[in-house]
Amino acid sequence: MENQSLDSKKEIKLKRALILGNFYQQKVKIISAINQGYETIVGTVIGLNKDAVLTKEGLKIPKNSIKMICHL
């Protein structure tokens, strides 16, 4: 149940990032887990699908790897 709460909070932040990217052309900082630790990506979110976040820069970030989303 707690995991669902975290997932729904992540979805809300991703939708906010999508609005910032599409309507205001603002970038966000996304911290995602990779094999060797964490990766910080600063980019404009332009799309969301079931499993990934799409950025203007051409990156496809798996949702399950995202640990934090910060609005700049």
PDB file of N, CA and C in Angstrom:
ATOM      1  N   MET A   1       0.821  -1.194   0.000  1.00  0.00           N
ATOM      2  CA  MET A   1       0.000   0.000   0.000  1.00  0.00           C
ATOM      3  C   MET A   1       0.865   1.258   0.000  1.00  0.00           C
ATOM      4  N   GLU A   2       1.933   1.252   0.766  1.00  0.00           N
ATOM      5  CA  GLU A   2       2.850   2.390   0.812  1.00  0.00           C
ATOM      6  C   GLU A   2       3.534   2.576  -0.534  1.00  0.00           C
ATOM      7  N   ASN A   3       3.836   1.477  -1.218  1.00  0.00           N
ATOM      8  CA  ASN A   3       4.463   1.535  -2.532  1.00  0.00           C
ATOM      9  C   ASN A   3       3.539   2.208  -3.536  1.00  0.00           C
ATOM     10  N   GLN A   4       2.227   1.951  -3.446  1.00  0.00           N
ATOM     11  CA  GLN A   4       1.262   2.598  -4.335  1.00  0.00           C
ATOM     12  C   GLN A   4       1.245   4.100  -4.103  1.00  0.00           C
ATOM     13  N   SER A   5       1.372   4.503  -2.867  1.00  0.00           N
ATOM     14  CA  SER A   5       1.385   5.927  -2.532  1.00  0.00           C
ATOM     15  C   SER A   5       2.599   6.603  -3.161  1.00  0.00           C
ATOM     16  N   LEU A   6       3.753   5.956  -3.093  1.00  0.00           N
ATOM     17  CA  LEU A   6       4.967   6.514  -3.693  1.00  0.00           C
ATOM     18  C   LEU A   6       4.836   6.578  -5.207  1.00  0.00           C
ATOM     19  N   ASP A   7       4.255   5.542  -5.808  1.00  0.00           N
ATOM     20  CA  ASP A   7       4.069   5.534  -7.255  1.00  0.00           C
ATOM     21  C   ASP A   7       3.118   6.635  -7.696  1.00  0.00           C
ATOM     22  N   SER A   8       2.053   6.859  -6.942  1.00  0.00           N
ATOM     23  CA  SER A   8       1.109   7.905  -7.330  1.00  0.00           C
ATOM     24  C   SER A   8       1.734   9.292  -7.174  1.00  0.00           C
ATOM     25  N   LYS A   9       2.568   9.484  -6.159  1.00  0.00           N
ATOM     26  CA  LYS A   9       3.275  10.755  -5.998  1.00  0.00           C
ATOM     27  C   LYS A   9       4.248  10.974  -7.149  1.00  0.00           C
ATOM     28  N   LYS A  10       4.919   9.904  -7.570  1.00  0.00           N
ATOM     29  CA  LYS A  10       5.834  10.005  -8.703  1.00  0.00           C
ATOM     30  C   LYS A  10       5.076  10.364  -9.974  1.00  0.00           C
ATOM     31  N   GLU A  11       3.908   9.754 -10.179  1.00  0.00           N
ATOM     32  CA  GLU A  11       3.093  10.056 -11.358  1.00  0.00           C
ATOM     33  C   GLU A  11       2.649  11.520 -11.363  1.00  0.00           C
ATOM     34  N   ILE A  12       2.275  12.045 -10.216  1.00  0.00           N
ATOM     35  CA  ILE A  12       1.869  13.452 -10.120  1.00  0.00           C
ATOM     36  C   ILE A  12       3.040  14.357 -10.491  1.00  0.00           C
ATOM     37  N   LYS A  13       4.233  14.056  -9.971  1.00  0.00           N
ATOM     38  CA  LYS A  13       5.407  14.868 -10.297  1.00  0.00           C
ATOM     39  C   LYS A  13       5.758  14.768 -11.774  1.00  0.00           C
ATOM     40  N   LEU A  14       5.589  13.580 -12.355  1.00  0.00           N
ATOM     41  CA  LEU A  14       5.865  13.426 -13.781  1.00  0.00           C
ATOM     42  C   LEU A  14       4.867  14.213 -14.622  1.00  0.00           C
ATOM     43  N   LYS A  15       3.609  14.236 -14.227  1.00  0.00           N
ATOM     44  CA  LYS A  15       2.607  15.012 -14.961  1.00  0.00           C
ATOM     45  C   LYS A  15       2.889  16.503 -14.848  1.00  0.00           C
ATOM     46  N   ARG A  16       3.344  16.947 -13.686  1.00  0.00           N
ATOM     47  CA  ARG A  16       3.737  18.353 -13.530  1.00  0.00           C
ATOM     48  C   ARG A  16       4.923  18.677 -14.432  1.00  0.00           C
ATOM     49  N   ALA A  17       5.885  17.766 -14.484  1.00  0.00           N
ATOM     50  CA  ALA A  17       7.052  17.962 -15.349  1.00  0.00           C
ATOM     51  C   ALA A  17       6.634  18.012 -16.811  1.00  0.00           C
ATOM     52  N   LEU A  18       5.653  17.211 -17.191  1.00  0.00           N
ATOM     53  CA  LEU A  18       5.139  17.209 -18.555  1.00  0.00           C
ATOM     54  C   LEU A  18       4.491  18.558 -18.883  1.00  0.00           C
ATOM     55  N   ILE A  19       3.705  19.095 -17.970  1.00  0.00           N
ATOM     56  CA  ILE A  19       3.075  20.404 -18.175  1.00  0.00           C
ATOM     57  C   ILE A  19       4.138  21.492 -18.284  1.00  0.00           C
ATOM     58  N   LEU A  20       5.132  21.452 -17.397  1.00  0.00           N
ATOM     59  CA  LEU A  20       6.209  22.438 -17.462  1.00  0.00           C
ATOM     60  C   LEU A  20       6.940  22.373 -18.797  1.00  0.00           C
ATOM     61  N   GLY A  21       7.167  21.176 -19.284  1.00  0.00           N
ATOM     62  CA  GLY A  21       7.899  21.007 -20.533  1.00  0.00           C
ATOM     63  C   GLY A  21       7.103  21.425 -21.752  1.00  0.00           C
ATOM     64  N   ASN A  22       5.845  21.023 -21.824  1.00  0.00           N
ATOM     65  CA  ASN A  22       5.045  21.294 -23.022  1.00  0.00           C
ATOM     66  C   ASN A  22       4.481  22.704 -23.078  1.00  0.00           C
ATOM     67  N   PHE A  23       4.078  23.265 -21.965  1.00  0.00           N
ATOM     68  CA  PHE A  23       3.440  24.575 -21.989  1.00  0.00           C
ATOM     69  C   PHE A  23       4.389  25.728 -21.650  1.00  0.00           C
ATOM     70  N   TYR A  24       5.405  25.455 -20.839  1.00  0.00           N
ATOM     71  CA  TYR A  24       6.292  26.525 -20.399  1.00  0.00           C
ATOM     72  C   TYR A  24       7.737  26.341 -20.858  1.00  0.00           C
ATOM     73  N   GLN A  25       8.029  25.265 -21.580  1.00  0.00           N
ATOM     74  CA  GLN A  25       9.370  24.935 -22.071  1.00  0.00           C
ATOM     75  C   GLN A  25      10.429  25.008 -20.966  1.00  0.00           C
ATOM     76  N   GLN A  26      10.065  24.547 -19.787  1.00  0.00           N
ATOM     77  CA  GLN A  26      10.994  24.535 -18.660  1.00  0.00           C
ATOM     78  C   GLN A  26      11.560  23.140 -18.464  1.00  0.00           C
ATOM     79  N   LYS A  27      12.804  23.109 -18.028  1.00  0.00           N
ATOM     80  CA  LYS A  27      13.488  21.845 -17.782  1.00  0.00           C
ATOM     81  C   LYS A  27      13.277  21.397 -16.344  1.00  0.00           C
ATOM     82  N   VAL A  28      13.435  20.117 -16.123  1.00  0.00           N
ATOM     83  CA  VAL A  28      13.413  19.537 -14.787  1.00  0.00           C
ATOM     84  C   VAL A  28      14.670  18.692 -14.611  1.00  0.00           C
ATOM     85  N   LYS A  29      14.994  18.404 -13.370  1.00  0.00           N
ATOM     86  CA  LYS A  29      16.114  17.520 -13.062  1.00  0.00           C
ATOM     87  C   LYS A  29      15.536  16.183 -12.629  1.00  0.00           C
ATOM     88  N   ILE A  30      15.972  15.118 -13.304  1.00  0.00           N
ATOM     89  CA  ILE A  30      15.523  13.763 -12.980  1.00  0.00           C
ATOM     90  C   ILE A  30      16.731  12.961 -12.525  1.00  0.00           C
ATOM     91  N   ILE A  31      16.632  12.356 -11.355  1.00  0.00           N
ATOM     92  CA  ILE A  31      17.697  11.499 -10.844  1.00  0.00           C
ATOM     93  C   ILE A  31      17.207  10.064 -10.979  1.00  0.00           C
ATOM     94  N   SER A  32      17.968   9.270 -11.732  1.00  0.00           N
ATOM     95  CA  SER A  32      17.563   7.887 -11.959  1.00  0.00           C
ATOM     96  C   SER A  32      18.687   6.939 -11.571  1.00  0.00           C
ATOM     97  N   ALA A  33      18.298   5.728 -11.208  1.00  0.00           N
ATOM     98  CA  ALA A  33      19.257   4.698 -10.821  1.00  0.00           C
ATOM     99  C   ALA A  33      19.805   4.026 -12.082  1.00  0.00           C
ATOM    100  N   ILE A  34      21.114   3.822 -12.077  1.00  0.00           N
ATOM    101  CA  ILE A  34      21.771   3.078 -13.152  1.00  0.00           C
ATOM    102  C   ILE A  34      22.625   1.999 -12.497  1.00  0.00           C
ATOM    103  N   ASN A  35      23.320   1.222 -13.290  1.00  0.00           N
ATOM    104  CA  ASN A  35      24.118   0.103 -12.769  1.00  0.00           C
ATOM    105  C   ASN A  35      25.152   0.537 -11.743  1.00  0.00           C
ATOM    106  N   GLN A  36      25.805   1.652 -11.966  1.00  0.00           N
ATOM    107  CA  GLN A  36      26.923   2.083 -11.125  1.00  0.00           C
ATOM    108  C   GLN A  36      26.533   3.144 -10.101  1.00  0.00           C
ATOM    109  N   GLY A  37      25.266   3.383  -9.869  1.00  0.00           N
ATOM    110  CA  GLY A  37      24.847   4.405  -8.910  1.00  0.00           C
ATOM    111  C   GLY A  37      23.656   5.184  -9.429  1.00  0.00           C
ATOM    112  N   TYR A  38      23.828   6.508  -9.537  1.00  0.00           N
ATOM    113  CA  TYR A  38      22.746   7.382  -9.977  1.00  0.00           C
ATOM    114  C   TYR A  38      23.212   8.270 -11.113  1.00  0.00           C
ATOM    115  N   GLU A  39      22.256   8.684 -11.925  1.00  0.00           N
ATOM    116  CA  GLU A  39      22.516   9.573 -13.053  1.00  0.00           C
ATOM    117  C   GLU A  39      21.569  10.761 -12.927  1.00  0.00           C
ATOM    118  N   THR A  40      22.101  11.972 -13.127  1.00  0.00           N
ATOM    119  CA  THR A  40      21.288  13.173 -13.099  1.00  0.00           C
ATOM    120  C   THR A  40      21.070  13.650 -14.523  1.00  0.00           C
ATOM    121  N   ILE A  41      19.814  13.834 -14.879  1.00  0.00           N
ATOM    122  CA  ILE A  41      19.448  14.273 -16.216  1.00  0.00           C
ATOM    123  C   ILE A  41      18.687  15.583 -16.075  1.00  0.00           C
ATOM    124  N   VAL A  42      19.137  16.602 -16.780  1.00  0.00           N
ATOM    125  CA  VAL A  42      18.420  17.865 -16.825  1.00  0.00           C
ATOM    126  C   VAL A  42      17.857  17.981 -18.232  1.00  0.00           C
ATOM    127  N   GLY A  43      16.531  18.025 -18.328  1.00  0.00           N
ATOM    128  CA  GLY A  43      15.920  18.069 -19.644  1.00  0.00           C
ATOM    129  C   GLY A  43      14.463  18.485 -19.587  1.00  0.00           C
ATOM    130  N   THR A  44      13.878  18.589 -20.758  1.00  0.00           N
ATOM    131  CA  THR A  44      12.487  18.973 -20.910  1.00  0.00           C
ATOM    132  C   THR A  44      11.656  17.734 -21.189  1.00  0.00           C
ATOM    133  N   VAL A  45      10.694  17.449 -20.329  1.00  0.00           N
ATOM    134  CA  VAL A  45       9.821  16.288 -20.505  1.00  0.00           C
ATOM    135  C   VAL A  45       8.759  16.651 -21.541  1.00  0.00           C
ATOM    136  N   ILE A  46       8.662  15.840 -22.605  1.00  0.00           N
ATOM    137  CA  ILE A  46       7.670  16.113 -23.654  1.00  0.00           C
ATOM    138  C   ILE A  46       6.645  14.994 -23.799  1.00  0.00           C
ATOM    139  N   GLY A  47       6.871  13.867 -23.114  1.00  0.00           N
ATOM    140  CA  GLY A  47       5.917  12.783 -23.235  1.00  0.00           C
ATOM    141  C   GLY A  47       6.050  11.761 -22.125  1.00  0.00           C
ATOM    142  N   LEU A  48       4.938  11.119 -21.834  1.00  0.00           N
ATOM    143  CA  LEU A  48       4.899  10.028 -20.855  1.00  0.00           C
ATOM    144  C   LEU A  48       4.176   8.862 -21.503  1.00  0.00           C
ATOM    145  N   ASN A  49       4.677   7.665 -21.277  1.00  0.00           N
ATOM    146  CA  ASN A  49       3.901   6.486 -21.644  1.00  0.00           C
ATOM    147  C   ASN A  49       3.860   5.568 -20.436  1.00  0.00           C
ATOM    148  N   LYS A  50       3.355   4.388 -20.597  1.00  0.00           N
ATOM    149  CA  LYS A  50       3.141   3.493 -19.459  1.00  0.00           C
ATOM    150  C   LYS A  50       4.429   3.193 -18.692  1.00  0.00           C
ATOM    151  N   ASP A  51       5.536   3.036 -19.413  1.00  0.00           N
ATOM    152  CA  ASP A  51       6.776   2.595 -18.775  1.00  0.00           C
ATOM    153  C   ASP A  51       7.927   3.589 -18.811  1.00  0.00           C
ATOM    154  N   ALA A  52       7.786   4.700 -19.533  1.00  0.00           N
ATOM    155  CA  ALA A  52       8.944   5.570 -19.711  1.00  0.00           C
ATOM    156  C   ALA A  52       8.554   7.039 -19.794  1.00  0.00           C
ATOM    157  N   VAL A  53       9.586   7.872 -19.593  1.00  0.00           N
ATOM    158  CA  VAL A  53       9.489   9.323 -19.732  1.00  0.00           C
ATOM    159  C   VAL A  53      10.297   9.702 -20.956  1.00  0.00           C
ATOM    160  N   LEU A  54       9.724  10.530 -21.820  1.00  0.00           N
ATOM    161  CA  LEU A  54      10.403  10.949 -23.031  1.00  0.00           C
ATOM    162  C   LEU A  54      10.830  12.406 -22.888  1.00  0.00           C
ATOM    163  N   THR A  55      12.073  12.704 -23.261  1.00  0.00           N
ATOM    164  CA  THR A  55      12.570  14.071 -23.157  1.00  0.00           C
ATOM    165  C   THR A  55      12.784  14.672 -24.531  1.00  0.00           C
ATOM    166  N   LYS A  56      12.806  15.989 -24.563  1.00  0.00           N
ATOM    167  CA  LYS A  56      13.032  16.725 -25.802  1.00  0.00           C
ATOM    168  C   LYS A  56      14.397  16.397 -26.384  1.00  0.00           C
ATOM    169  N   GLU A  57      15.325  16.062 -25.517  1.00  0.00           N
ATOM    170  CA  GLU A  57      16.693  15.756 -25.935  1.00  0.00           C
ATOM    171  C   GLU A  57      16.818  14.352 -26.540  1.00  0.00           C
ATOM    172  N   GLY A  58      15.725  13.602 -26.579  1.00  0.00           N
ATOM    173  CA  GLY A  58      15.712  12.287 -27.197  1.00  0.00           C
ATOM    174  C   GLY A  58      15.960  11.121 -26.257  1.00  0.00           C
ATOM    175  N   LEU A  59      15.917  11.365 -24.961  1.00  0.00           N
ATOM    176  CA  LEU A  59      16.133  10.288 -23.993  1.00  0.00           C
ATOM    177  C   LEU A  59      14.810   9.614 -23.646  1.00  0.00           C
ATOM    178  N   LYS A  60      14.882   8.331 -23.392  1.00  0.00           N
ATOM    179  CA  LYS A  60      13.745   7.547 -22.917  1.00  0.00           C
ATOM    180  C   LYS A  60      14.165   6.951 -21.580  1.00  0.00           C
ATOM    181  N   ILE A  61      13.617   7.479 -20.492  1.00  0.00           N
ATOM    182  CA  ILE A  61      14.010   7.098 -19.139  1.00  0.00           C
ATOM    183  C   ILE A  61      12.950   6.168 -18.559  1.00  0.00           C
ATOM    184  N   PRO A  62      13.327   4.951 -18.174  1.00  0.00           N
ATOM    185  CA  PRO A  62      12.346   4.038 -17.563  1.00  0.00           C
ATOM    186  C   PRO A  62      11.797   4.620 -16.260  1.00  0.00           C
ATOM    187  N   LYS A  63      10.485   4.581 -16.086  1.00  0.00           N
ATOM    188  CA  LYS A  63       9.857   5.142 -14.882  1.00  0.00           C
ATOM    189  C   LYS A  63      10.329   4.447 -13.616  1.00  0.00           C
ATOM    190  N   ASN A  64      10.550   3.139 -13.683  1.00  0.00           N
ATOM    191  CA  ASN A  64      10.939   2.419 -12.468  1.00  0.00           C
ATOM    192  C   ASN A  64      12.352   2.766 -12.009  1.00  0.00           C
ATOM    193  N   SER A  65      13.154   3.427 -12.853  1.00  0.00           N
ATOM    194  CA  SER A  65      14.505   3.808 -12.442  1.00  0.00           C
ATOM    195  C   SER A  65      14.551   5.206 -11.836  1.00  0.00           C
ATOM    196  N   ILE A  66      13.465   5.966 -11.947  1.00  0.00           N
ATOM    197  CA  ILE A  66      13.449   7.348 -11.460  1.00  0.00           C
ATOM    198  C   ILE A  66      13.324   7.361  -9.943  1.00  0.00           C
ATOM    199  N   LYS A  67      14.256   8.051  -9.311  1.00  0.00           N
ATOM    200  CA  LYS A  67      14.260   8.158  -7.841  1.00  0.00           C
ATOM    201  C   LYS A  67      13.757   9.524  -7.368  1.00  0.00           C
ATOM    202  N   MET A  68      14.030  10.592  -8.154  1.00  0.00           N
ATOM    203  CA  MET A  68      13.628  11.931  -7.721  1.00  0.00           C
ATOM    204  C   MET A  68      13.426  12.813  -8.951  1.00  0.00           C
ATOM    205  N   ILE A  69      12.465  13.732  -8.837  1.00  0.00           N
ATOM    206  CA  ILE A  69      12.195  14.708  -9.882  1.00  0.00           C
ATOM    207  C   ILE A  69      12.188  16.073  -9.225  1.00  0.00           C
ATOM    208  N   CYS A  70      13.018  16.979  -9.711  1.00  0.00           N
ATOM    209  CA  CYS A  70      13.119  18.321  -9.147  1.00  0.00           C
ATOM    210  C   CYS A  70      12.795  19.342 -10.229  1.00  0.00           C
ATOM    211  N   HIS A  71      11.921  20.259  -9.923  1.00  0.00           N
ATOM    212  CA  HIS A  71      11.588  21.336 -10.860  1.00  0.00           C
ATOM    213  C   HIS A  71      12.601  22.449 -10.675  1.00  0.00           C
ATOM    214  N   LEU A  72      13.157  22.916 -11.764  1.00  0.00           N
ATOM    215  CA  LEU A  72      14.181  23.973 -11.707  1.00  0.00           C
ATOM    216  C   LEU A  72      13.551  25.344 -11.722  1.00  0.00           C
TER     217      LEU A  72
END
